[in-house]
Amino acid sequence: MKRIFPRLLTVFLPVLGLDTLSKFWVEQTLEINQPVPVLGELLRLTLNYNTGVAFGLFANGGVWPLVVTGLIIVSLAIWLVHALRTDEIPPVASWPIGLILGGAIANFVDRLPDRRVTDLLDVGLGSTRWPTFNLADSFIVLGVIVLMLMMLLEQRQLKD
């Protein structure tokens, strides 16, 4: 258990910091809904706000997105502590868990003052675009993918 928390913090703190700084920078630099090309049409920076959760689901849901995400974060943290105490997860899993927790808490902290999350990454071609998202969202998705791959590899090793 002692080996896992330093690894977790090594990922968690930079994720929290990078997301917070990127949101602060974009709010100070860009005009809302005015795209700035980074890689032409493929990647643009566009300041936008999301009052819902993933992809704008439950937008204008009042305090509920904040409550639900808070409950998810607390549940994930409780599971993590339990899993660490019972050695249910290998120490290497602290990396993707740090990505997930860092991203989730970064979005939660961003949502606290005004019940909305700052989005800035705008990906697509022409009018076919992915909903605008932020670094925290990217870290969460990356963490989930890595954790799932680790679980699949572990299952495969158990079968062999």
Protein backbone atom coordinates (compact mmCIF):
# COMPACT_ATOMS: atom_id res chain seq x y z
CA MET A 1 0.00 0.00 0.00
CA LYS A 2 2.88 2.37 0.76
CA ARG A 3 4.18 1.98 -2.81
CA ILE A 4 0.88 2.89 -4.42
CA PHE A 5 0.12 6.33 -2.97
CA PRO A 6 3.34 7.99 -4.22
CA ARG A 7 2.65 6.60 -7.71
CA LEU A 8 -0.96 7.73 -7.52
CA LEU A 9 0.05 11.24 -6.48
CA THR A 10 2.74 11.36 -9.18
CA VAL A 11 -0.06 11.10 -11.75
CA PHE A 12 -2.94 12.74 -9.85
CA LEU A 13 -1.24 16.06 -9.06
CA PRO A 14 0.02 16.84 -12.60
CA VAL A 15 -3.39 15.90 -14.05
CA LEU A 16 -5.13 18.23 -11.62
CA GLY A 17 -2.58 20.99 -12.27
CA LEU A 18 -2.52 20.73 -16.07
CA ASP A 19 -6.30 20.73 -16.34
CA THR A 20 -6.69 23.66 -13.94
CA LEU A 21 -4.02 25.72 -15.70
CA SER A 22 -5.41 24.97 -19.17
CA LYS A 23 -8.91 26.07 -18.11
CA PHE A 24 -7.57 29.23 -16.49
CA TRP A 25 -5.47 30.04 -19.58
CA VAL A 26 -8.29 29.47 -22.07
CA GLU A 27 -10.71 31.63 -20.06
CA GLN A 28 -8.17 34.46 -19.95
CA THR A 29 -7.17 34.13 -23.61
CA LEU A 30 -10.11 33.10 -25.81
CA GLU A 31 -13.52 34.52 -26.61
CA ILE A 32 -16.41 32.13 -26.00
CA ASN A 33 -17.35 30.00 -29.04
CA GLN A 34 -14.62 31.58 -31.21
CA PRO A 35 -12.44 28.69 -32.49
CA VAL A 36 -8.68 29.10 -32.81
CA PRO A 37 -7.12 26.54 -35.19
CA VAL A 38 -4.21 24.51 -33.79
CA LEU A 39 -4.07 21.77 -36.45
CA GLY A 40 -6.36 23.38 -39.00
CA GLU A 41 -9.93 22.09 -38.75
CA LEU A 42 -8.82 18.86 -37.05
CA LEU A 43 -7.98 20.43 -33.69
CA ARG A 44 -9.13 23.82 -32.52
CA LEU A 45 -9.22 25.57 -29.16
CA THR A 46 -12.74 26.78 -28.47
CA LEU A 47 -13.84 28.18 -25.11
CA ASN A 48 -17.16 26.63 -24.17
CA TYR A 49 -19.01 25.73 -20.98
CA ASN A 50 -20.87 22.54 -20.13
CA THR A 51 -23.53 22.57 -17.41
CA GLY A 52 -24.16 18.85 -17.90
CA VAL A 53 -21.92 15.83 -17.65
CA ALA A 54 -20.27 13.89 -20.52
CA PHE A 55 -21.20 15.31 -23.94
CA GLY A 56 -23.66 17.76 -22.38
CA LEU A 57 -25.96 15.07 -20.97
CA PHE A 58 -28.25 16.47 -18.26
CA ALA A 59 -27.36 20.04 -19.23
CA ASN A 60 -29.03 22.66 -17.05
CA GLY A 61 -29.66 19.91 -14.50
CA GLY A 62 -29.10 22.35 -11.66
CA VAL A 63 -27.11 20.99 -8.76
CA TRP A 64 -27.59 17.32 -9.76
CA PRO A 65 -24.52 16.93 -12.00
CA LEU A 66 -22.41 18.29 -9.13
CA VAL A 67 -24.03 15.92 -6.61
CA VAL A 68 -23.75 12.88 -8.90
CA THR A 69 -20.11 13.52 -9.82
CA GLY A 70 -19.31 14.10 -6.15
CA LEU A 71 -20.88 10.76 -5.23
CA ILE A 72 -18.95 9.01 -8.01
CA ILE A 73 -15.66 10.51 -6.80
CA VAL A 74 -16.35 9.51 -3.18
CA SER A 75 -17.34 5.98 -4.27
CA LEU A 76 -14.20 5.64 -6.38
CA ALA A 77 -12.03 6.86 -3.51
CA ILE A 78 -13.67 4.41 -1.05
CA TRP A 79 -13.18 1.56 -3.52
CA LEU A 80 -9.56 2.58 -4.03
CA VAL A 81 -8.77 2.58 -0.31
CA HIS A 82 -10.49 -0.80 0.11
CA ALA A 83 -8.72 -2.28 -2.91
CA LEU A 84 -5.36 -1.02 -1.67
CA ARG A 85 -5.87 -2.44 1.81
CA THR A 86 -6.89 -5.86 0.50
CA ASP A 87 -4.28 -5.96 -2.30
CA GLU A 88 -7.05 -6.39 -4.90
CA ILE A 89 -5.21 -4.20 -7.36
CA PRO A 90 -1.56 -4.31 -8.40
CA PRO A 91 0.59 -1.26 -7.66
CA VAL A 92 0.88 -0.49 -11.38
CA ALA A 93 -2.89 0.21 -11.44
CA SER A 94 -2.20 3.36 -9.45
CA TRP A 95 -1.18 5.10 -12.71
CA PRO A 96 -4.55 4.82 -14.51
CA ILE A 97 -6.45 5.32 -11.25
CA GLY A 98 -4.48 8.55 -10.74
CA LEU A 99 -5.54 9.69 -14.23
CA ILE A 100 -9.20 8.93 -13.50
CA LEU A 101 -9.29 10.50 -10.03
CA GLY A 102 -7.24 13.52 -11.14
CA GLY A 103 -9.56 14.21 -14.06
CA ALA A 104 -12.73 13.63 -12.07
CA ILE A 105 -11.64 15.88 -9.22
CA ALA A 106 -10.38 18.56 -11.63
CA ASN A 107 -13.80 18.72 -13.31
CA PHE A 108 -15.56 18.65 -9.93
CA VAL A 109 -13.48 21.57 -8.64
CA ASP A 110 -14.12 23.48 -11.89
CA ARG A 111 -17.87 22.90 -11.51
CA LEU A 112 -18.08 24.08 -7.87
CA PRO A 113 -18.25 27.89 -8.31
CA ASP A 114 -20.79 28.11 -11.14
CA ARG A 115 -22.09 24.56 -11.79
CA ARG A 116 -20.39 24.34 -15.17
CA VAL A 117 -17.19 22.87 -16.57
CA THR A 118 -14.86 24.77 -18.87
CA ASP A 119 -14.24 22.99 -22.17
CA LEU A 120 -11.60 23.92 -24.74
CA LEU A 121 -10.63 21.04 -27.03
CA ASP A 122 -12.58 21.03 -30.28
CA VAL A 123 -11.90 18.05 -32.58
CA GLY A 124 -13.44 17.23 -35.96
CA LEU A 125 -13.60 18.09 -39.62
CA GLY A 126 -15.81 20.89 -40.89
CA SER A 127 -19.25 20.66 -39.34
CA THR A 128 -18.65 17.08 -38.15
CA ARG A 129 -17.24 17.73 -34.68
CA TRP A 130 -16.93 15.87 -31.40
CA PRO A 131 -18.51 17.72 -28.46
CA THR A 132 -15.98 20.14 -26.98
CA PHE A 133 -14.09 18.66 -24.02
CA ASN A 134 -11.17 19.40 -21.70
CA LEU A 135 -7.92 17.81 -20.52
CA ALA A 136 -9.63 16.26 -17.48
CA ASP A 137 -12.04 14.42 -19.78
CA SER A 138 -9.08 13.16 -21.83
CA PHE A 139 -7.26 11.93 -18.72
CA ILE A 140 -10.38 10.13 -17.47
CA VAL A 141 -10.88 8.34 -20.79
CA LEU A 142 -7.18 7.45 -21.03
CA GLY A 143 -7.22 6.11 -17.45
CA VAL A 144 -10.30 3.97 -18.11
CA ILE A 145 -8.79 2.55 -21.32
CA VAL A 146 -5.48 1.70 -19.62
CA LEU A 147 -7.25 0.14 -16.62
CA MET A 148 -9.45 -1.96 -18.90
CA LEU A 149 -6.43 -3.13 -20.89
CA MET A 150 -4.65 -4.07 -17.67
CA MET A 151 -7.67 -6.07 -16.53
CA LEU A 152 -7.92 -7.84 -19.90
CA LEU A 153 -4.23 -8.73 -19.81
CA GLU A 154 -4.56 -10.02 -16.26
CA GLN A 155 -7.54 -12.20 -17.24
CA ARG A 156 -5.63 -13.55 -20.21
CA GLN A 157 -2.66 -14.42 -17.97
CA LEU A 158 -4.96 -16.20 -15.51
CA LYS A 159 -6.41 -18.33 -18.33
CA ASP A 160 -2.95 -19.34 -19.61
